[in-house]
N, C-alpha and C. Protein backbone atom coordinates (compact mmCIF):
# COMPACT_ATOMS: atom_id res chain seq x y z
N MET A 1 48.54 30.11 -2.89
CA MET A 1 47.43 29.79 -1.65
C MET A 1 47.36 28.44 -1.56
N THR A 2 47.30 27.86 0.14
CA THR A 2 47.38 26.48 0.13
C THR A 2 45.82 25.98 0.43
N ASN A 3 45.45 24.56 -0.51
CA ASN A 3 44.59 23.81 -0.37
C ASN A 3 44.49 22.76 1.01
N ILE A 4 43.38 22.87 1.58
CA ILE A 4 43.27 21.10 2.26
C ILE A 4 43.05 20.14 1.71
N LEU A 5 43.65 18.67 1.78
CA LEU A 5 43.25 17.78 1.35
C LEU A 5 42.99 16.62 2.16
N PHE A 6 41.60 16.85 2.22
CA PHE A 6 41.56 14.60 3.50
C PHE A 6 42.26 13.85 2.16
N ILE A 7 42.98 12.81 3.13
CA ILE A 7 43.18 11.34 2.27
C ILE A 7 41.97 10.43 3.50
N LEU A 8 41.38 9.64 2.87
CA LEU A 8 40.66 8.47 3.51
C LEU A 8 41.02 7.45 3.24
N PHE A 9 41.21 7.05 4.72
CA PHE A 9 41.69 5.47 4.82
C PHE A 9 40.59 4.64 5.10
N GLN A 10 39.94 3.52 4.88
CA GLN A 10 38.72 2.65 5.32
C GLN A 10 39.01 1.79 6.37
N GLY A 11 38.11 1.68 6.68
CA GLY A 11 38.27 0.45 7.53
C GLY A 11 38.35 -0.80 7.44
N GLY A 12 38.70 -2.21 7.54
CA GLY A 12 38.91 -3.49 7.11
C GLY A 12 37.05 -4.07 6.67
N ALA A 13 36.62 -4.43 5.58
CA ALA A 13 35.69 -4.83 4.61
C ALA A 13 34.22 -3.74 5.19
N THR A 14 35.09 -2.77 4.23
CA THR A 14 34.32 -1.80 4.11
C THR A 14 34.81 -0.68 2.91
N ASN A 15 33.74 0.21 1.88
CA ASN A 15 33.83 0.34 0.30
C ASN A 15 33.81 1.71 1.19
N LEU A 16 33.83 2.29 -0.29
CA LEU A 16 33.47 4.09 -0.55
C LEU A 16 32.29 4.51 0.65
N LYS A 17 31.39 3.61 0.00
CA LYS A 17 30.18 4.48 0.71
C LYS A 17 29.91 3.87 2.39
N TYR A 18 31.07 3.47 2.88
CA TYR A 18 30.51 3.55 4.40
C TYR A 18 31.22 4.99 5.18
N TRP A 19 31.62 5.65 3.83
CA TRP A 19 32.62 7.41 4.27
C TRP A 19 30.99 7.95 4.74
N ASN A 20 29.72 7.89 4.15
CA ASN A 20 28.50 8.99 3.76
C ASN A 20 27.33 8.33 4.00
N GLU A 21 27.60 7.05 3.28
CA GLU A 21 25.85 6.24 4.07
C GLU A 21 25.93 5.68 5.11
N ARG A 22 27.06 5.43 5.67
CA ARG A 22 26.62 4.99 6.65
C ARG A 22 26.72 5.10 7.59
N THR A 23 26.51 6.83 7.73
CA THR A 23 26.69 7.03 9.09
C THR A 23 25.33 8.19 8.84
N GLU A 24 24.92 8.80 9.40
CA GLU A 24 23.57 9.80 9.90
C GLU A 24 24.57 11.36 9.45
N SER A 25 25.97 11.16 10.49
CA SER A 25 26.74 12.76 10.40
C SER A 25 26.78 13.40 8.75
N LYS A 26 26.79 12.23 7.61
CA LYS A 26 27.14 12.66 6.40
C LYS A 26 28.22 12.85 6.02
N PHE A 27 29.00 12.17 6.43
CA PHE A 27 30.69 12.54 7.39
C PHE A 27 31.67 13.55 5.96
N LEU A 28 31.14 12.34 4.66
CA LEU A 28 32.00 12.86 3.55
C LEU A 28 31.79 14.35 3.34
N ASP A 29 30.07 14.43 2.97
CA ASP A 29 29.81 15.52 2.89
C ASP A 29 29.68 17.26 3.34
N LYS A 30 30.19 16.66 4.62
CA LYS A 30 31.00 17.71 5.73
C LYS A 30 32.78 17.97 5.19
N LEU A 31 33.51 17.15 5.03
CA LEU A 31 34.81 17.75 4.70
C LEU A 31 34.84 17.97 3.43
N LYS A 32 34.01 17.67 2.26
CA LYS A 32 34.06 18.36 1.17
C LYS A 32 33.62 19.87 1.04
N GLU A 33 33.15 20.30 2.42
CA GLU A 33 32.41 21.66 2.90
C GLU A 33 33.81 22.58 2.89
N VAL A 34 34.82 21.49 3.87
CA VAL A 34 36.26 22.16 3.64
C VAL A 34 37.21 22.19 3.45
N GLY A 35 37.53 21.56 2.37
CA GLY A 35 38.52 20.94 1.51
C GLY A 35 38.18 20.08 0.32
N SER A 36 38.99 19.53 -0.38
CA SER A 36 39.35 18.13 -1.43
C SER A 36 39.39 17.36 -0.59
N VAL A 37 38.86 16.31 -1.60
CA VAL A 37 38.74 14.62 -0.74
C VAL A 37 39.29 13.86 -1.53
N TYR A 38 40.36 12.97 -0.98
CA TYR A 38 40.93 11.58 -2.07
C TYR A 38 40.46 10.99 -1.01
N MET A 39 39.86 9.94 -1.89
CA MET A 39 39.24 9.24 -1.56
C MET A 39 40.27 7.32 -2.40
N TYR A 40 40.51 6.20 -2.16
CA TYR A 40 40.56 5.31 -3.25
C TYR A 40 39.61 4.12 -2.12
N GLN A 41 39.42 2.78 -2.89
CA GLN A 41 39.21 1.39 -2.91
C GLN A 41 40.21 0.59 -2.55
N ASP A 42 40.26 -0.04 -1.38
CA ASP A 42 41.46 -0.40 -1.28
C ASP A 42 41.12 -1.91 -2.00
N LYS A 43 41.89 -2.77 -2.40
CA LYS A 43 42.07 -3.96 -3.79
C LYS A 43 41.57 -4.60 -3.33
N THR A 44 42.62 -4.73 -2.02
CA THR A 44 42.35 -5.94 -0.62
C THR A 44 40.69 -6.18 -0.40
N MET A 45 40.06 -4.82 -0.41
CA MET A 45 38.91 -4.86 0.42
C MET A 45 37.95 -5.46 -0.89
N ASN A 46 38.40 -5.52 -2.04
CA ASN A 46 37.49 -5.82 -3.08
C ASN A 46 37.26 -7.43 -3.08
N ILE A 47 38.17 -8.15 -2.40
CA ILE A 47 37.23 -9.59 -2.56
C ILE A 47 35.94 -9.47 -2.44
N TYR A 48 35.65 -8.89 -1.02
CA TYR A 48 33.84 -8.89 -0.48
C TYR A 48 32.80 -8.68 -2.15
N HIS A 49 33.91 -8.00 -3.22
CA HIS A 49 32.41 -7.95 -4.75
C HIS A 49 32.31 -10.06 -4.57
N TYR A 50 33.22 -10.71 -4.69
CA TYR A 50 32.79 -12.11 -4.95
C TYR A 50 32.99 -12.74 -3.80
N TYR A 51 32.25 -12.14 -2.70
CA TYR A 51 31.53 -13.33 -1.80
C TYR A 51 30.39 -12.96 -1.92
N LYS A 52 29.30 -13.84 -2.14
CA LYS A 52 28.16 -13.05 -2.47
C LYS A 52 26.76 -13.29 -1.33
N LYS A 53 27.72 -13.89 -0.38
CA LYS A 53 26.90 -13.80 0.71
C LYS A 53 27.55 -13.11 2.06
N PHE A 54 28.19 -11.73 1.41
CA PHE A 54 27.86 -10.54 2.31
C PHE A 54 27.25 -9.67 1.44
N ASN A 55 26.23 -9.54 2.44
CA ASN A 55 25.18 -8.02 1.72
C ASN A 55 25.41 -7.38 1.37
N ASP A 56 26.48 -6.57 1.25
CA ASP A 56 27.32 -5.21 0.81
C ASP A 56 27.87 -5.52 -1.21
N TYR A 57 27.66 -6.99 -1.16
CA TYR A 57 29.12 -7.52 -2.28
C TYR A 57 28.74 -6.39 -3.48
N ASN A 58 27.76 -6.10 -3.86
CA ASN A 58 27.94 -4.97 -4.80
C ASN A 58 28.54 -3.63 -4.81
N ASP A 59 28.70 -3.32 -3.83
CA ASP A 59 29.38 -2.03 -3.75
C ASP A 59 30.81 -1.94 -4.00
N TYR A 60 30.95 -3.23 -3.96
CA TYR A 60 32.89 -3.39 -4.00
C TYR A 60 32.68 -3.72 -5.81
N ASP A 61 34.02 -3.15 -6.02
CA ASP A 61 35.03 -3.14 -7.02
C ASP A 61 35.30 -4.32 -7.53
N SER A 62 34.91 -5.06 -8.78
CA SER A 62 35.74 -6.20 -8.71
C SER A 62 37.24 -6.09 -9.14
N ASP A 63 37.67 -4.89 -8.94
CA ASP A 63 39.32 -5.47 -9.34
C ASP A 63 40.23 -5.49 -7.69
N ILE A 64 40.49 -6.65 -8.19
CA ILE A 64 41.10 -7.52 -6.94
C ILE A 64 42.65 -7.57 -7.75
N ASP A 65 43.22 -7.20 -8.83
CA ASP A 65 44.29 -7.15 -9.53
C ASP A 65 45.69 -6.30 -8.73
N PHE A 66 45.99 -7.25 -8.06
CA PHE A 66 47.08 -6.68 -7.16
C PHE A 66 48.64 -7.83 -6.61
N ASN A 67 49.34 -7.58 -6.57
CA ASN A 67 50.50 -8.37 -5.92
C ASN A 67 50.94 -8.76 -4.41
N LEU A 68 51.67 -9.15 -4.24
CA LEU A 68 52.06 -9.44 -2.91
C LEU A 68 52.84 -7.58 -2.47
N SER A 69 53.76 -6.67 -3.44
CA SER A 69 53.68 -5.64 -2.78
C SER A 69 52.67 -4.50 -2.76
N TYR A 70 51.95 -4.51 -3.66
CA TYR A 70 50.63 -4.03 -2.94
C TYR A 70 50.30 -3.92 -1.48
N ILE A 71 50.22 -5.01 -0.77
CA ILE A 71 49.57 -5.10 0.53
C ILE A 71 50.83 -5.08 1.17
N LYS A 72 51.69 -4.55 0.84
CA LYS A 72 52.83 -3.72 2.48
C LYS A 72 52.66 -2.28 2.31
N PRO A 73 52.90 -2.64 3.74
CA PRO A 73 51.66 -0.79 4.17
C PRO A 73 53.38 0.63 3.11
N ASN A 74 54.05 0.27 3.46
CA ASN A 74 55.55 1.38 2.70
C ASN A 74 54.99 1.45 1.21
N THR A 75 54.95 0.13 0.85
CA THR A 75 54.32 0.40 -1.12
C THR A 75 53.23 0.71 -1.25
N HIS A 76 52.27 0.84 -0.45
CA HIS A 76 50.42 0.23 -0.33
C HIS A 76 50.58 2.24 -0.27
N ILE A 77 51.29 2.89 0.21
CA ILE A 77 51.20 4.18 0.83
C ILE A 77 51.95 4.90 -0.68
N GLU A 78 52.71 4.65 -0.93
CA GLU A 78 53.59 5.34 -1.99
C GLU A 78 52.25 4.85 -3.43
N ILE A 79 51.66 3.98 -3.05
CA ILE A 79 50.75 3.84 -4.37
C ILE A 79 49.91 5.34 -4.65
N ILE A 80 49.39 5.24 -3.30
CA ILE A 80 48.44 5.89 -2.94
C ILE A 80 48.51 7.34 -3.33
N TYR A 81 50.05 7.77 -2.44
CA TYR A 81 50.51 8.92 -2.76
C TYR A 81 50.67 9.70 -4.19
N ASN A 82 51.65 8.72 -5.31
CA ASN A 82 51.80 8.41 -6.85
C ASN A 82 50.35 9.28 -7.09
N ASN A 83 49.06 8.09 -7.25
CA ASN A 83 47.88 8.26 -7.79
C ASN A 83 47.25 10.19 -7.14
N ILE A 84 47.55 10.22 -6.23
CA ILE A 84 47.24 11.53 -5.31
C ILE A 84 47.91 12.86 -6.31
N CYS A 85 49.11 12.87 -6.85
CA CYS A 85 49.71 13.05 -7.42
C CYS A 85 49.20 13.50 -8.63
N LYS A 86 48.86 12.21 -9.32
CA LYS A 86 47.99 12.16 -10.45
C LYS A 86 46.89 12.73 -10.81
N LYS A 87 46.19 12.77 -10.22
CA LYS A 87 44.86 13.66 -9.61
C LYS A 87 45.36 14.85 -9.18
N TYR A 88 45.88 15.67 -8.76
CA TYR A 88 46.45 16.81 -8.33
C TYR A 88 47.12 17.08 -8.62
N LYS A 89 47.63 17.89 -9.77
CA LYS A 89 48.42 18.28 -10.49
C LYS A 89 49.50 19.22 -10.02
N ASN A 90 48.99 20.00 -9.33
CA ASN A 90 49.26 21.33 -8.17
C ASN A 90 49.92 20.55 -7.08
N ILE A 91 50.20 19.26 -6.77
CA ILE A 91 50.08 18.62 -4.90
C ILE A 91 51.18 19.85 -4.32
N ASN A 92 52.03 20.35 -4.27
CA ASN A 92 52.43 21.54 -3.45
C ASN A 92 51.77 22.42 -3.10
N GLU A 93 50.56 22.94 -3.70
CA GLU A 93 49.64 23.76 -3.49
C GLU A 93 49.36 23.40 -2.25
N TYR A 94 48.92 21.59 -2.15
CA TYR A 94 48.38 20.87 -0.94
C TYR A 94 48.61 20.92 0.12
N LYS A 95 48.29 20.95 1.61
CA LYS A 95 48.37 20.42 2.60
C LYS A 95 47.25 19.35 2.87
N PHE A 96 48.26 18.28 3.73
CA PHE A 96 47.54 17.14 3.65
C PHE A 96 46.50 16.70 5.13
N ILE A 97 45.69 16.04 5.36
CA ILE A 97 45.34 15.72 6.26
C ILE A 97 44.23 14.09 6.15
N PRO A 98 45.61 13.65 6.28
CA PRO A 98 45.29 11.67 6.32
C PRO A 98 43.96 11.19 7.42
N ILE A 99 42.65 10.68 7.20
CA ILE A 99 41.71 9.99 8.33
C ILE A 99 41.83 8.61 8.19
N GLY A 100 42.14 8.21 9.08
CA GLY A 100 41.78 6.88 9.26
C GLY A 100 40.69 6.46 9.66
N TRP A 101 40.24 5.00 9.69
CA TRP A 101 38.89 4.28 10.27
C TRP A 101 39.57 3.53 10.05
N SER A 102 39.36 2.65 11.63
CA SER A 102 39.69 1.06 12.09
C SER A 102 40.82 1.14 11.26
N ILE A 103 40.94 0.09 10.92
CA ILE A 103 42.52 -0.79 10.36
C ILE A 103 43.24 0.21 9.16
N GLY A 104 42.47 1.39 8.59
CA GLY A 104 42.95 2.20 7.87
C GLY A 104 43.82 3.42 8.76
N SER A 105 43.59 3.18 10.27
CA SER A 105 44.57 4.28 11.15
C SER A 105 45.95 3.87 10.64
N GLY A 106 45.89 2.73 10.73
CA GLY A 106 47.55 2.22 10.90
C GLY A 106 48.06 2.96 9.15
N LEU A 107 47.11 2.69 8.29
CA LEU A 107 48.39 3.42 6.86
C LEU A 107 47.64 4.98 6.94
N ALA A 108 47.04 5.55 7.84
CA ALA A 108 46.57 6.90 7.75
C ALA A 108 47.94 7.93 8.48
N LEU A 109 48.34 6.38 9.77
CA LEU A 109 49.50 7.33 10.60
C LEU A 109 51.59 6.82 9.58
N LEU A 110 51.04 5.80 9.24
CA LEU A 110 52.43 5.65 8.16
C LEU A 110 51.87 6.62 7.10
N PHE A 111 51.14 7.49 6.37
CA PHE A 111 51.14 8.00 5.65
C PHE A 111 51.26 9.29 6.04
N SER A 112 51.46 9.89 7.19
CA SER A 112 50.98 11.20 8.03
C SER A 112 53.06 11.32 8.63
N GLN A 113 53.57 10.24 8.37
CA GLN A 113 54.81 10.03 8.89
C GLN A 113 56.01 10.40 8.01
N LYS A 114 55.30 9.42 6.61
CA LYS A 114 56.63 9.32 5.59
C LYS A 114 56.28 10.44 4.84
N TYR A 115 55.08 11.35 4.68
CA TYR A 115 54.93 12.48 4.08
C TYR A 115 54.78 13.37 5.02
N LYS A 116 55.61 14.03 5.87
CA LYS A 116 54.93 14.57 6.98
C LYS A 116 55.17 16.10 7.23
N SER A 117 56.07 16.40 5.97
CA SER A 117 56.33 17.37 5.76
C SER A 117 55.19 18.43 4.94
N GLN A 118 53.93 17.23 3.85
CA GLN A 118 52.92 17.88 3.70
C GLN A 118 51.62 18.55 4.83
N CYS A 119 51.90 16.82 5.37
CA CYS A 119 50.40 16.31 6.51
C CYS A 119 50.43 17.52 8.19
N ILE A 120 49.42 18.18 8.08
CA ILE A 120 49.48 19.29 9.29
C ILE A 120 48.58 18.41 10.10
N HIS A 121 47.66 17.42 10.32
CA HIS A 121 47.25 16.22 10.80
C HIS A 121 46.90 14.83 10.38
N CYS A 122 46.58 14.60 11.44
CA CYS A 122 46.23 12.70 11.10
C CYS A 122 45.48 12.69 12.07
N ILE A 123 44.31 11.94 11.37
CA ILE A 123 42.90 12.30 12.43
C ILE A 123 42.75 10.50 12.02
N LEU A 124 43.00 10.07 14.09
CA LEU A 124 42.44 8.34 13.68
C LEU A 124 40.62 8.01 14.51
N LEU A 125 40.24 8.04 13.81
CA LEU A 125 38.53 7.73 13.74
C LEU A 125 38.78 6.35 14.61
N ASP A 126 38.53 5.77 15.64
CA ASP A 126 38.29 4.07 16.23
C ASP A 126 39.06 3.55 15.68
N PRO A 127 40.63 3.82 16.01
CA PRO A 127 41.53 2.99 15.47
C PRO A 127 42.30 1.71 16.32
N ILE A 128 42.28 0.72 15.62
CA ILE A 128 42.31 -0.56 15.91
C ILE A 128 44.13 -0.83 15.63
N TYR A 129 44.77 -1.14 16.87
CA TYR A 129 46.31 -1.87 16.81
C TYR A 129 46.32 -2.69 18.09
N ILE A 130 47.05 -3.85 16.44
CA ILE A 130 47.15 -4.82 17.29
C ILE A 130 48.17 -4.98 17.55
N THR A 131 48.82 -5.04 18.93
CA THR A 131 50.06 -5.74 19.64
C THR A 131 50.14 -7.03 20.44
N PRO A 132 51.20 -7.39 20.54
CA PRO A 132 51.06 -8.93 21.26
C PRO A 132 50.34 -8.56 22.42
N LYS A 133 50.90 -7.32 23.17
CA LYS A 133 49.99 -7.03 24.25
C LYS A 133 48.91 -6.87 24.60
N ASN A 134 48.07 -6.26 23.39
CA ASN A 134 46.67 -6.00 23.22
C ASN A 134 46.01 -7.24 22.49
N VAL A 135 46.42 -7.79 22.02
CA VAL A 135 45.90 -8.99 21.27
C VAL A 135 44.98 -10.17 22.19
N PRO A 136 43.42 -10.35 21.41
CA PRO A 136 42.82 -11.22 22.58
C PRO A 136 43.50 -12.59 22.60
N SER A 137 43.47 -13.60 23.59
CA SER A 137 44.34 -14.74 23.55
C SER A 137 43.84 -15.49 22.60
N GLN A 138 42.64 -15.50 22.03
CA GLN A 138 42.35 -16.47 20.86
C GLN A 138 43.10 -16.41 19.57
N ILE A 139 43.23 -14.93 19.16
CA ILE A 139 44.16 -14.55 18.48
C ILE A 139 45.76 -14.59 18.47
N ILE A 140 46.11 -14.84 19.29
CA ILE A 140 47.40 -14.87 19.35
C ILE A 140 48.39 -16.11 19.09
N PRO A 141 48.02 -16.69 19.11
CA PRO A 141 48.28 -17.86 18.06
C PRO A 141 48.21 -17.56 16.67
N LEU A 142 47.66 -17.17 15.49
CA LEU A 142 47.74 -16.87 14.50
C LEU A 142 48.53 -15.41 14.32
N TYR A 143 48.92 -14.88 15.62
CA TYR A 143 49.88 -13.30 15.11
C TYR A 143 50.99 -14.27 15.53
N ASN A 144 51.36 -14.93 16.00
CA ASN A 144 52.66 -15.58 16.01
C ASN A 144 52.51 -16.79 15.15
N LYS A 145 51.62 -17.35 13.75
CA LYS A 145 51.92 -18.19 12.80
C LYS A 145 52.86 -17.43 12.27
N LYS A 146 53.76 -18.32 11.51
CA LYS A 146 54.35 -17.92 10.16
C LYS A 146 53.71 -17.83 9.08
N ILE A 147 53.30 -17.23 8.44
CA ILE A 147 52.84 -17.79 6.49
C ILE A 147 53.90 -16.94 5.86
N THR A 148 54.10 -17.99 4.59
CA THR A 148 54.96 -17.81 3.84
C THR A 148 53.99 -17.98 2.29
N TYR A 149 53.73 -16.83 2.08
CA TYR A 149 53.38 -16.51 0.73
C TYR A 149 53.81 -15.77 -0.11
N THR A 150 53.98 -16.77 -2.02
CA THR A 150 54.33 -15.82 -2.86
C THR A 150 53.26 -15.76 -3.66
N ASN A 151 53.96 -14.22 -4.81
CA ASN A 151 53.00 -14.06 -5.70
C ASN A 151 52.40 -14.75 -6.54
N SER A 152 52.71 -15.93 -6.56
CA SER A 152 52.31 -17.24 -7.56
C SER A 152 50.81 -17.87 -6.45
N HIS A 153 51.37 -17.66 -5.42
CA HIS A 153 50.49 -18.44 -4.58
C HIS A 153 48.89 -17.46 -4.46
N LEU A 154 49.47 -15.94 -4.58
CA LEU A 154 48.48 -14.93 -4.11
C LEU A 154 47.84 -14.79 -5.33
N GLN A 155 48.54 -14.83 -6.90
CA GLN A 155 47.61 -14.96 -8.11
C GLN A 155 46.69 -16.17 -8.14
N LYS A 156 46.91 -17.49 -7.51
CA LYS A 156 46.15 -18.32 -8.17
C LYS A 156 44.65 -17.81 -7.11
N MET A 157 45.33 -17.78 -5.55
CA MET A 157 44.04 -17.66 -5.09
C MET A 157 43.40 -16.45 -5.65
N LEU A 158 43.32 -15.59 -5.72
CA LEU A 158 42.49 -14.41 -6.71
C LEU A 158 41.97 -14.65 -7.47
N TYR A 159 43.08 -15.04 -8.56
CA TYR A 159 41.94 -15.89 -9.84
C TYR A 159 40.81 -16.90 -9.71
N ASP A 160 41.20 -18.09 -8.62
CA ASP A 160 39.95 -18.63 -7.82
C ASP A 160 39.15 -18.14 -7.66
N LEU A 161 39.30 -17.02 -6.41
CA LEU A 161 37.91 -16.35 -6.28
C LEU A 161 37.27 -15.41 -7.62
N LYS A 162 37.95 -14.83 -8.46
CA LYS A 162 37.09 -14.32 -9.59
C LYS A 162 36.26 -15.50 -10.28
N ASN A 163 36.95 -16.71 -10.47
CA ASN A 163 36.69 -17.55 -11.60
C ASN A 163 35.95 -19.29 -11.03
N ASN A 164 36.56 -19.34 -9.65
CA ASN A 164 35.99 -20.60 -9.31
C ASN A 164 35.46 -20.38 -7.93
N TYR A 165 34.98 -19.25 -8.20
CA TYR A 165 34.28 -19.17 -5.84
C TYR A 165 33.14 -20.13 -5.62
N THR A 166 32.97 -21.10 -4.63
CA THR A 166 31.68 -21.42 -4.16
C THR A 166 32.00 -21.02 -2.53
N GLU A 167 31.09 -21.12 -1.48
CA GLU A 167 30.78 -21.25 -0.91
C GLU A 167 31.85 -22.06 -0.38
N GLU A 168 31.95 -22.97 -0.02
CA GLU A 168 32.25 -24.15 -0.04
C GLU A 168 33.80 -23.96 -0.41
N ASN A 169 34.07 -23.91 -1.03
CA ASN A 169 35.88 -23.40 -1.30
C ASN A 169 36.37 -22.55 -0.16
N PHE A 170 35.45 -21.12 -0.44
CA PHE A 170 36.31 -19.85 0.76
C PHE A 170 36.26 -20.71 1.70
N ILE A 171 35.50 -21.49 2.68
CA ILE A 171 35.44 -21.73 3.90
C ILE A 171 37.13 -22.79 3.69
N LYS A 172 36.71 -23.92 2.94
CA LYS A 172 38.14 -24.22 2.72
C LYS A 172 38.90 -24.22 2.64
N ASN A 173 39.59 -22.93 1.71
CA ASN A 173 40.62 -22.06 1.64
C ASN A 173 41.11 -21.07 3.65
N GLU A 174 40.17 -21.42 3.83
CA GLU A 174 40.22 -20.40 5.25
C GLU A 174 41.08 -21.17 5.67
N SER A 175 40.67 -22.10 5.85
CA SER A 175 41.35 -22.80 7.41
C SER A 175 42.85 -23.39 7.07
């Protein structure tokens, strides 16, 4: 028997509550009526847990333990797939429907391409695609700017965010 597994890829600056509690449609509840649902909280979004001016900061997990390989799209979706395989021991009995919202649409699309033999559809909600042709003129200089970070830089930034966060430091480090 084949089961349906919806895999949810959230948008930027969102937590898992957005799939259900932030919409009138109760989207998540409706999906659960049709099949199983796998959600994960992207650790990069958890930085908002430490940004106390963000209204929903308590809705984010404090786990920001990741390195640069985690934010590489191919590695990221492999991590998600491996976590799915751990949770659903009978993974071959499932067909996937990745659902992406906003920036999560790119990951959903990549996931559906990489695991196309198991994906029967890919649904993109409010997709955002940034290419040089559709980036607003004020963002183009940032898009073309080459920035090189190492894992050491990232780990220091995450450590500082956890342990030395102040609004003043956050603004200073953004520029």
